[in-house]
Protein backbone atom coordinates (compact mmCIF):
# COMPACT_ATOMS: atom_id res chain seq x y z
CA MET A 1 -27.73 -137.83 17.05
CA ASP A 2 -29.20 -141.48 16.19
CA ARG A 3 -32.35 -141.82 18.03
CA SER A 4 -31.41 -145.45 18.89
CA SER A 5 -28.61 -144.48 21.33
CA LEU A 6 -31.51 -142.44 23.47
CA PRO A 7 -33.49 -144.02 26.61
CA ILE A 8 -36.62 -146.01 25.45
CA LYS A 9 -38.67 -143.17 26.94
CA ASN A 10 -37.19 -140.67 24.96
CA GLN A 11 -37.41 -142.57 21.82
CA SER A 12 -41.28 -142.99 22.74
CA ALA A 13 -41.47 -138.93 22.50
CA ILE A 14 -39.69 -138.81 19.59
CA HIS A 15 -41.75 -141.56 17.85
CA LEU A 16 -45.26 -139.56 18.78
CA VAL A 17 -43.83 -136.12 18.01
CA ASP A 18 -42.86 -138.15 14.39
CA GLU A 19 -45.98 -140.04 14.09
CA GLU A 20 -48.09 -136.69 14.81
CA TYR A 21 -45.94 -134.41 12.35
CA ARG A 22 -46.40 -137.10 9.55
CA ALA A 23 -50.19 -137.52 10.21
CA ARG A 24 -50.64 -133.60 9.76
CA TYR A 25 -48.06 -132.52 7.47
CA GLY A 26 -45.98 -135.30 5.75
CA ALA A 27 -42.45 -136.21 6.54
CA PRO A 28 -40.25 -133.80 9.01
CA ASP A 29 -37.22 -131.98 7.83
CA GLY A 30 -35.79 -133.02 10.86
CA ILE A 31 -36.55 -133.41 14.96
CA PHE A 32 -34.68 -131.31 17.26
CA MET A 33 -34.51 -131.52 21.07
CA ALA A 34 -33.57 -129.57 23.99
CA PRO A 35 -33.43 -130.92 27.53
CA GLY A 36 -34.91 -129.42 30.77
CA ARG A 37 -32.30 -128.86 33.84
CA VAL A 38 -31.64 -129.26 37.29
CA ASN A 39 -29.88 -126.46 39.35
CA LEU A 40 -27.50 -128.46 41.91
CA ILE A 41 -26.24 -125.09 43.94
CA GLY A 42 -26.54 -121.44 42.94
CA GLU A 43 -30.26 -120.57 43.31
CA HIS A 44 -31.48 -116.83 42.21
CA THR A 45 -28.15 -115.65 41.88
CA ASP A 46 -28.24 -115.80 38.03
CA TYR A 47 -30.03 -112.64 37.24
CA ASN A 48 -27.60 -110.72 39.54
CA ASP A 49 -24.86 -111.65 37.22
CA GLY A 50 -23.50 -114.32 39.77
CA PHE A 51 -22.66 -117.98 40.08
CA VAL A 52 -24.93 -121.02 38.97
CA MET A 53 -24.13 -124.96 38.46
CA PRO A 54 -26.78 -126.32 36.60
CA ALA A 55 -27.33 -129.82 34.71
CA ALA A 56 -29.30 -130.86 31.93
CA ILE A 57 -31.09 -133.83 32.44
CA GLY A 58 -32.98 -136.84 30.33
CA PHE A 59 -36.19 -134.45 30.18
CA ALA A 60 -36.80 -132.65 27.12
CA THR A 61 -38.89 -130.88 24.34
CA TYR A 62 -39.15 -132.20 21.07
CA VAL A 63 -39.77 -130.47 18.01
CA ALA A 64 -40.73 -132.02 14.62
CA ALA A 65 -39.95 -129.31 12.07
CA GLY A 66 -40.55 -128.88 8.34
CA SER A 67 -40.39 -125.96 5.95
CA ARG A 68 -43.05 -123.70 4.35
CA SER A 69 -43.12 -121.87 1.07
CA ASP A 70 -45.03 -118.95 3.02
CA ASP A 71 -44.36 -116.75 5.97
CA ARG A 72 -46.75 -118.49 8.46
CA LEU A 73 -45.94 -120.73 11.35
CA SER A 74 -48.25 -123.48 12.30
CA VAL A 75 -47.85 -125.27 15.74
CA HIS A 76 -49.24 -128.02 17.22
CA SER A 77 -48.84 -129.32 20.90
CA VAL A 78 -48.97 -133.49 21.28
CA ASP A 79 -49.47 -132.75 25.29
CA PHE A 80 -52.17 -129.89 25.10
CA HIS A 81 -53.93 -131.22 21.76
CA GLU A 82 -54.26 -128.11 20.35
CA GLY A 83 -52.43 -125.79 17.95
CA LEU A 84 -52.18 -122.35 16.40
CA GLU A 85 -51.12 -120.69 13.02
CA PHE A 86 -49.86 -117.32 12.63
CA ASP A 87 -47.97 -114.78 10.46
CA LEU A 88 -44.55 -114.17 11.53
CA ALA A 89 -44.64 -110.52 10.61
CA GLU A 90 -47.19 -110.29 13.44
CA THR A 91 -45.79 -111.99 16.49
CA ALA A 92 -45.70 -108.67 18.44
CA GLN A 93 -48.33 -109.45 20.89
CA GLY A 94 -47.37 -109.90 24.57
CA PRO A 95 -48.15 -112.76 26.87
CA THR A 96 -51.25 -114.73 27.03
CA GLY A 97 -50.47 -117.20 29.35
CA ARG A 98 -50.48 -120.27 26.74
CA TRP A 99 -48.09 -122.70 26.34
CA SER A 100 -47.59 -120.88 22.72
CA ASP A 101 -46.00 -117.85 24.14
CA TYR A 102 -42.52 -119.35 24.03
CA VAL A 103 -42.80 -120.35 20.54
CA ARG A 104 -43.98 -117.23 19.11
CA GLY A 105 -41.77 -115.35 21.38
CA VAL A 106 -38.75 -117.22 20.01
CA ALA A 107 -39.77 -116.72 16.46
CA ALA A 108 -40.61 -112.79 17.07
CA VAL A 109 -37.41 -112.12 18.82
CA LEU A 110 -35.32 -113.95 15.92
CA ARG A 111 -37.18 -111.89 13.48
CA SER A 112 -36.16 -108.57 15.53
CA GLU A 113 -32.26 -109.80 15.36
CA ASN A 114 -32.75 -109.90 11.76
CA VAL A 115 -32.27 -113.80 11.73
CA PRO A 116 -33.75 -114.53 8.07
CA ILE A 117 -36.01 -117.35 9.31
CA GLN A 118 -39.30 -118.32 7.02
CA GLY A 119 -42.48 -120.04 7.55
CA ALA A 120 -42.34 -123.47 9.32
CA ASN A 121 -44.55 -126.44 10.49
CA LEU A 122 -43.57 -127.70 13.95
CA VAL A 123 -45.32 -130.59 16.31
CA VAL A 124 -44.03 -130.18 19.74
CA LYS A 125 -44.06 -132.91 22.45
CA GLY A 126 -42.54 -132.59 25.81
CA ASP A 127 -41.49 -134.98 29.06
CA VAL A 128 -40.17 -132.27 31.20
CA PRO A 129 -42.46 -132.11 34.20
CA ILE A 130 -44.55 -128.54 33.77
CA GLY A 131 -44.41 -126.42 37.24
CA ALA A 132 -41.55 -128.76 38.88
CA GLY A 133 -38.93 -125.97 38.36
CA LEU A 134 -37.35 -128.28 35.92
CA SER A 135 -37.21 -125.48 33.42
CA SER A 136 -39.80 -126.67 30.85
CA SER A 137 -40.19 -123.41 29.36
CA ALA A 138 -36.39 -122.82 28.41
CA SER A 139 -36.52 -126.27 26.84
CA ILE A 140 -39.45 -125.87 24.52
CA GLU A 141 -37.88 -121.91 23.96
CA VAL A 142 -34.43 -123.70 22.75
CA ALA A 143 -35.96 -126.58 21.02
CA THR A 144 -37.86 -124.29 18.71
CA ALA A 145 -34.93 -122.03 17.80
CA PHE A 146 -32.91 -124.99 16.76
CA ALA A 147 -35.98 -126.37 14.85
CA LEU A 148 -36.29 -123.05 13.13
CA LEU A 149 -32.99 -122.32 12.50
CA GLY A 150 -32.21 -126.08 11.32
CA VAL A 151 -35.42 -126.07 8.71
CA ASN A 152 -34.07 -122.71 7.38
CA HIS A 153 -30.69 -123.76 7.26
CA LEU A 154 -29.00 -121.35 9.47
CA SER A 155 -26.67 -121.71 12.44
CA LEU A 156 -26.26 -119.14 15.45
CA ASP A 157 -23.80 -119.70 18.04
CA ARG A 158 -24.93 -121.39 21.09
CA ARG A 159 -24.67 -118.18 23.30
CA THR A 160 -26.43 -116.38 21.28
CA ILE A 161 -29.56 -118.69 20.82
CA ALA A 162 -29.59 -118.79 24.72
CA SER A 163 -29.70 -115.03 24.68
CA ILE A 164 -32.33 -114.89 22.10
CA CYS A 165 -34.48 -117.09 24.49
CA GLN A 166 -34.22 -115.71 27.57
CA ARG A 167 -35.41 -112.21 25.74
CA ALA A 168 -38.52 -114.32 24.39
CA GLU A 169 -39.23 -115.30 27.89
CA HIS A 170 -38.61 -111.83 29.31
CA GLU A 171 -41.10 -110.29 26.44
CA TYR A 172 -43.71 -113.07 25.79
CA ALA A 173 -43.88 -114.97 28.84
CA GLY A 174 -43.36 -112.03 31.08
CA THR A 175 -40.67 -114.00 33.52
CA LYS A 176 -37.70 -111.46 34.26
CA CYS A 177 -35.39 -114.88 34.06
CA GLY A 178 -31.90 -115.14 34.15
CA ILE A 179 -29.64 -116.77 31.20
CA MET A 180 -29.19 -120.05 33.28
CA ASP A 181 -31.88 -121.97 31.88
CA GLN A 182 -31.48 -121.31 28.50
CA PHE A 183 -27.94 -121.46 28.49
CA ILE A 184 -27.54 -125.32 30.26
CA ALA A 185 -30.35 -126.24 27.47
CA CYS A 186 -27.88 -125.44 24.79
CA PHE A 187 -24.81 -126.58 26.23
CA GLY A 188 -25.49 -129.45 28.87
CA HIS A 189 -22.50 -132.16 28.83
CA SER A 190 -23.21 -135.66 29.83
CA ASN A 191 -22.12 -136.63 33.59
CA HIS A 192 -21.26 -132.60 34.22
CA ALA A 193 -22.35 -130.12 35.83
CA LEU A 194 -21.58 -126.62 34.31
CA LEU A 195 -20.09 -123.91 36.82
CA LEU A 196 -21.38 -120.87 34.84
CA ASP A 197 -20.27 -117.22 35.54
CA CYS A 198 -23.68 -115.67 34.34
CA ARG A 199 -21.82 -112.05 33.77
CA SER A 200 -19.36 -113.36 31.32
CA LEU A 201 -21.04 -116.52 30.00
CA GLN A 202 -17.90 -118.36 30.85
CA PHE A 203 -18.31 -121.76 32.22
CA GLU A 204 -16.45 -124.80 33.21
CA ALA A 205 -17.70 -128.44 33.10
CA LEU A 206 -17.09 -130.17 36.19
CA ASN A 207 -17.24 -134.36 36.29
CA ILE A 208 -19.85 -135.85 38.73
CA ALA A 209 -18.75 -139.11 40.30
CA THR A 210 -20.42 -142.02 38.51
CA SER A 211 -20.53 -143.45 42.29
CA ALA A 212 -23.31 -141.11 42.95
CA ARG A 213 -26.92 -139.92 41.58
CA ILE A 214 -29.02 -136.93 41.14
CA VAL A 215 -32.16 -137.35 42.07
CA ILE A 216 -35.06 -135.13 41.87
CA CYS A 217 -38.21 -135.27 44.07
CA ASN A 218 -41.11 -133.39 42.70
CA THR A 219 -43.54 -132.17 45.32
CA MET A 220 -46.64 -132.34 42.99
CA VAL A 221 -46.82 -128.61 44.72
CA LYS A 222 -46.61 -125.45 42.98
CA HIS A 223 -48.09 -122.10 44.74
CA GLU A 224 -49.85 -119.89 42.58
CA LEU A 225 -47.82 -116.89 43.89
CA ALA A 226 -44.62 -118.07 42.82
CA ALA A 227 -44.53 -115.75 39.11
CA GLY A 228 -45.16 -112.89 41.10
CA GLU A 229 -43.26 -113.70 44.07
CA TYR A 230 -40.12 -114.44 41.42
CA ASN A 231 -40.27 -110.79 39.94
CA ARG A 232 -40.55 -109.23 43.56
CA ARG A 233 -37.47 -110.86 44.83
CA ARG A 234 -35.74 -109.53 41.57
CA ALA A 235 -37.16 -105.95 42.26
CA ASP A 236 -35.61 -106.26 46.19
CA CYS A 237 -32.16 -107.14 44.55
CA GLU A 238 -32.14 -104.19 42.20
CA GLU A 239 -33.38 -102.05 45.24
CA GLY A 240 -30.10 -103.53 47.31
CA VAL A 241 -27.63 -102.63 44.45
CA ARG A 242 -29.05 -98.99 44.05
CA ILE A 243 -28.69 -98.26 47.86
CA LEU A 244 -25.22 -99.86 47.91
CA GLN A 245 -23.75 -97.90 44.87
CA ARG A 246 -24.35 -94.58 46.86
CA PHE A 247 -21.45 -96.29 49.56
CA LEU A 248 -19.60 -98.62 46.84
CA PRO A 249 -19.98 -96.59 43.44
CA GLY A 250 -18.02 -99.18 41.38
CA ILE A 251 -20.80 -102.05 41.91
CA LYS A 252 -22.91 -102.80 39.16
CA ALA A 253 -24.94 -106.27 40.62
CA LEU A 254 -24.71 -108.02 44.09
CA ARG A 255 -22.42 -110.02 42.36
CA ASP A 256 -19.96 -107.38 43.03
CA VAL A 257 -20.54 -107.00 46.54
CA THR A 258 -18.97 -109.18 49.58
CA LEU A 259 -20.42 -110.10 52.90
CA SER A 260 -18.16 -108.00 54.79
CA GLN A 261 -19.35 -104.71 52.59
CA LEU A 262 -22.78 -105.84 53.32
CA SER A 263 -22.03 -106.04 56.58
CA GLU A 264 -20.86 -102.74 56.81
CA HIS A 265 -23.83 -100.73 55.11
CA SER A 266 -26.60 -103.34 56.48
CA LYS A 267 -28.22 -100.47 58.42
CA GLU A 268 -28.78 -98.70 55.15
CA LEU A 269 -31.02 -101.22 53.91
CA PRO A 270 -34.65 -102.13 54.66
CA LEU A 271 -34.61 -105.68 56.84
CA VAL A 272 -36.32 -107.51 53.48
CA VAL A 273 -33.66 -105.90 50.98
CA ARG A 274 -30.87 -106.77 53.81
CA ARG A 275 -31.89 -110.46 54.03
CA ARG A 276 -32.49 -110.77 50.25
CA CYS A 277 -29.01 -109.24 49.46
CA ARG A 278 -27.38 -111.58 52.42
CA HIS A 279 -29.04 -114.82 50.51
CA VAL A 280 -27.41 -113.84 46.86
CA ILE A 281 -24.10 -112.75 48.16
CA SER A 282 -23.56 -115.88 50.09
CA GLU A 283 -24.86 -118.24 47.51
CA ASN A 284 -22.43 -117.07 45.11
CA ALA A 285 -19.77 -117.82 47.56
CA ARG A 286 -21.06 -121.14 48.31
CA VAL A 287 -21.11 -122.08 44.40
CA LEU A 288 -17.79 -121.14 44.03
CA ASP A 289 -16.57 -123.71 46.93
CA ALA A 290 -19.10 -126.40 45.17
CA GLY A 291 -16.86 -125.98 42.34
CA GLU A 292 -13.85 -126.63 44.18
CA ALA A 293 -15.58 -129.67 46.05
CA LEU A 294 -16.46 -131.26 42.72
CA ARG A 295 -12.84 -130.84 41.31
CA GLN A 296 -11.50 -132.64 44.20
CA ASN A 297 -14.21 -135.27 44.26
CA ASP A 298 -15.50 -134.26 47.61
CA LEU A 299 -19.10 -134.93 47.36
CA ARG A 300 -19.47 -134.60 51.56
CA ARG A 301 -18.42 -131.09 51.16
CA PHE A 302 -20.76 -130.65 48.01
CA GLY A 303 -23.47 -132.12 49.90
CA THR A 304 -23.09 -129.72 53.16
CA LEU A 305 -23.33 -126.78 50.88
CA MET A 306 -26.22 -127.84 49.38
CA GLY A 307 -27.86 -127.73 52.64
CA GLU A 308 -26.58 -124.05 53.66
CA SER A 309 -28.19 -123.31 50.40
CA HIS A 310 -31.48 -124.70 51.39
CA ALA A 311 -31.44 -122.89 54.87
CA SER A 312 -30.53 -119.60 53.25
CA LEU A 313 -33.29 -119.85 50.24
CA ARG A 314 -35.84 -120.84 53.10
CA ASP A 315 -34.74 -118.42 55.56
CA ASP A 316 -33.16 -115.21 54.08
CA TYR A 317 -35.05 -115.24 50.30
CA GLU A 318 -38.12 -116.80 51.77
CA VAL A 319 -38.89 -118.95 48.53
CA SER A 320 -39.33 -122.32 50.15
CA SER A 321 -42.75 -123.84 51.13
CA PRO A 322 -43.44 -126.21 53.91
CA GLU A 323 -43.73 -129.09 51.07
CA LEU A 324 -40.26 -128.39 50.25
CA ASP A 325 -38.84 -128.21 53.39
CA ARG A 326 -40.20 -131.63 54.58
CA MET A 327 -38.92 -133.04 51.57
CA VAL A 328 -35.47 -131.87 52.47
CA GLU A 329 -35.67 -132.86 55.91
CA LEU A 330 -36.62 -136.46 54.85
CA ALA A 331 -33.82 -136.79 52.58
CA SER A 332 -31.04 -135.73 55.22
CA THR A 333 -31.76 -138.24 57.29
CA ARG A 334 -31.28 -140.89 54.92
CA PRO A 335 -27.97 -143.19 54.57
CA GLY A 336 -26.20 -142.22 51.38
CA VAL A 337 -27.48 -138.76 50.92
CA TYR A 338 -24.53 -136.38 50.61
CA GLY A 339 -26.95 -133.32 50.11
CA ALA A 340 -30.46 -131.65 49.48
CA ARG A 341 -32.14 -128.65 48.58
CA MET A 342 -34.78 -126.95 46.79
CA THR A 343 -34.27 -126.17 43.09
CA GLY A 344 -35.77 -123.66 40.80
CA GLY A 345 -37.46 -120.72 41.96
CA GLY A 346 -39.53 -121.88 44.73
CA PHE A 347 -42.75 -121.85 46.20
CA GLY A 348 -43.03 -125.91 45.39
CA GLY A 349 -41.86 -127.62 42.55
CA CYS A 350 -38.78 -129.96 43.40
CA THR A 351 -35.59 -130.76 45.43
CA VAL A 352 -32.51 -131.81 44.14
CA ASN A 353 -30.56 -134.69 46.14
CA LEU A 354 -26.87 -135.95 45.49
CA VAL A 355 -27.26 -139.47 46.21
CA ASP A 356 -24.81 -142.61 46.63
CA ALA A 357 -25.90 -144.73 43.49
CA ASP A 358 -26.25 -148.13 45.97
CA ALA A 359 -28.83 -146.15 48.24
CA VAL A 360 -31.27 -144.81 45.52
CA ASP A 361 -33.76 -147.62 45.80
CA GLU A 362 -34.16 -147.40 49.45
CA PHE A 363 -33.94 -143.60 49.14
CA LYS A 364 -36.86 -143.47 47.02
CA VAL A 365 -39.24 -145.60 49.13
CA ALA A 366 -38.01 -143.94 52.08
CA VAL A 367 -38.75 -140.13 51.07
CA ALA A 368 -42.24 -140.95 49.19
CA HIS A 369 -43.50 -142.67 52.19
CA GLY A 370 -42.58 -139.88 54.54
CA TYR A 371 -43.79 -137.43 52.36
CA GLN A 372 -47.10 -139.28 51.69
CA GLN A 373 -47.69 -139.70 55.17
CA SER A 374 -47.07 -135.64 55.79
CA PHE A 375 -49.23 -134.26 53.15
CA GLY A 376 -51.15 -136.98 51.80
CA ILE A 377 -49.54 -136.59 48.33
CA HIS A 378 -47.59 -139.17 46.30
CA PRO A 379 -44.28 -137.21 44.99
CA GLU A 380 -42.92 -138.48 41.66
CA ILE A 381 -39.05 -139.20 42.20
CA TYR A 382 -36.63 -139.04 39.08
CA VAL A 383 -33.19 -140.66 39.06
CA CYS A 384 -30.92 -138.64 36.65
CA THR A 385 -27.33 -138.55 35.24
CA ALA A 386 -26.40 -135.21 33.68
CA ALA A 387 -27.67 -135.18 29.80
CA ASP A 388 -26.13 -133.58 26.60
CA GLY A 389 -27.26 -130.15 25.48
CA ALA A 390 -29.96 -129.34 22.63
CA LYS A 391 -29.27 -130.93 18.94
CA GLU A 392 -30.78 -132.21 16.18
CA ILE A 393 -31.83 -136.25 16.17
CA THR A 394 -31.36 -138.26 12.99
CA PRO A 395 -34.31 -140.73 12.05
């Protein structure tokens, strides 16, 4: 892809990563990018073999890369002003809590899958807001994978790349995420959301009307309990499946359970587990309904489903926060707003809003003002259209 066709902010990030690479190593062999994402609907369903509807966005991670003659990987982050170097044969260490875990993890998993990558120099620059629930982690993972494959003149199909990057996050970042984030970073499609079946990895690209904008509101708050609670929610779902399998032996995940079956056996489940299961099962149904709404260009119906999703995440899955709830409340009262809900893992981060293009400017002013009055925090608001997935960028 020609960098001159990218928005100015993307060109600036590419210039920075290119300049830093040249200062350290000389001319790069290539520059690779992978986008962040926003999930329009379908939260906490991916690790339950369910359905999701993400869109790639115009924030991304950029990796300038060049080959080496030895077996070492040298990585420098423009954003964190630090780097590290390690031998590709010595990447077995687990999570350290540093940004480099994502890079190290991708390299290690590629090697463990017998992908013959050799040493490389990498410089990384990202503009995906960190801790906002827009998947900066999958963005750096996928960009790293494309860079390491690219400079080694290797290719893998994108589903395999997504699975490798998911495994890297499990084993080297310690988050037992589903496949959605890495998948959309690979398969994003301009002006489209993807209706993705997280079991089969089959997907449908659904057009988002050009009369609407995806507006992301960053609460600027991320509660520290997020990572641990994420893994607890996954454990609750797994417990629900284990119990329900006594009565429904054919099920493998909550994806296979209907709301009527859950109701029939609800007394067998602890109350908290029952509520977690109810969210996932009802959310899967909402995603499929939302897909039909987009096929019919029924944005009002889509927005109603977004509101129902937020209520379920708040009440049954309990992953919202006062800041997220207030942001959704403020957005929902504005003219031209089809729907609003929290997006991402929860406990802070962002809301996603589907807004009529003509109403966006007033929306931004009103929501920012109301939120600042409520919490004394000025939010960041990003107006987006759906973007393409990972690619190499030509100078």
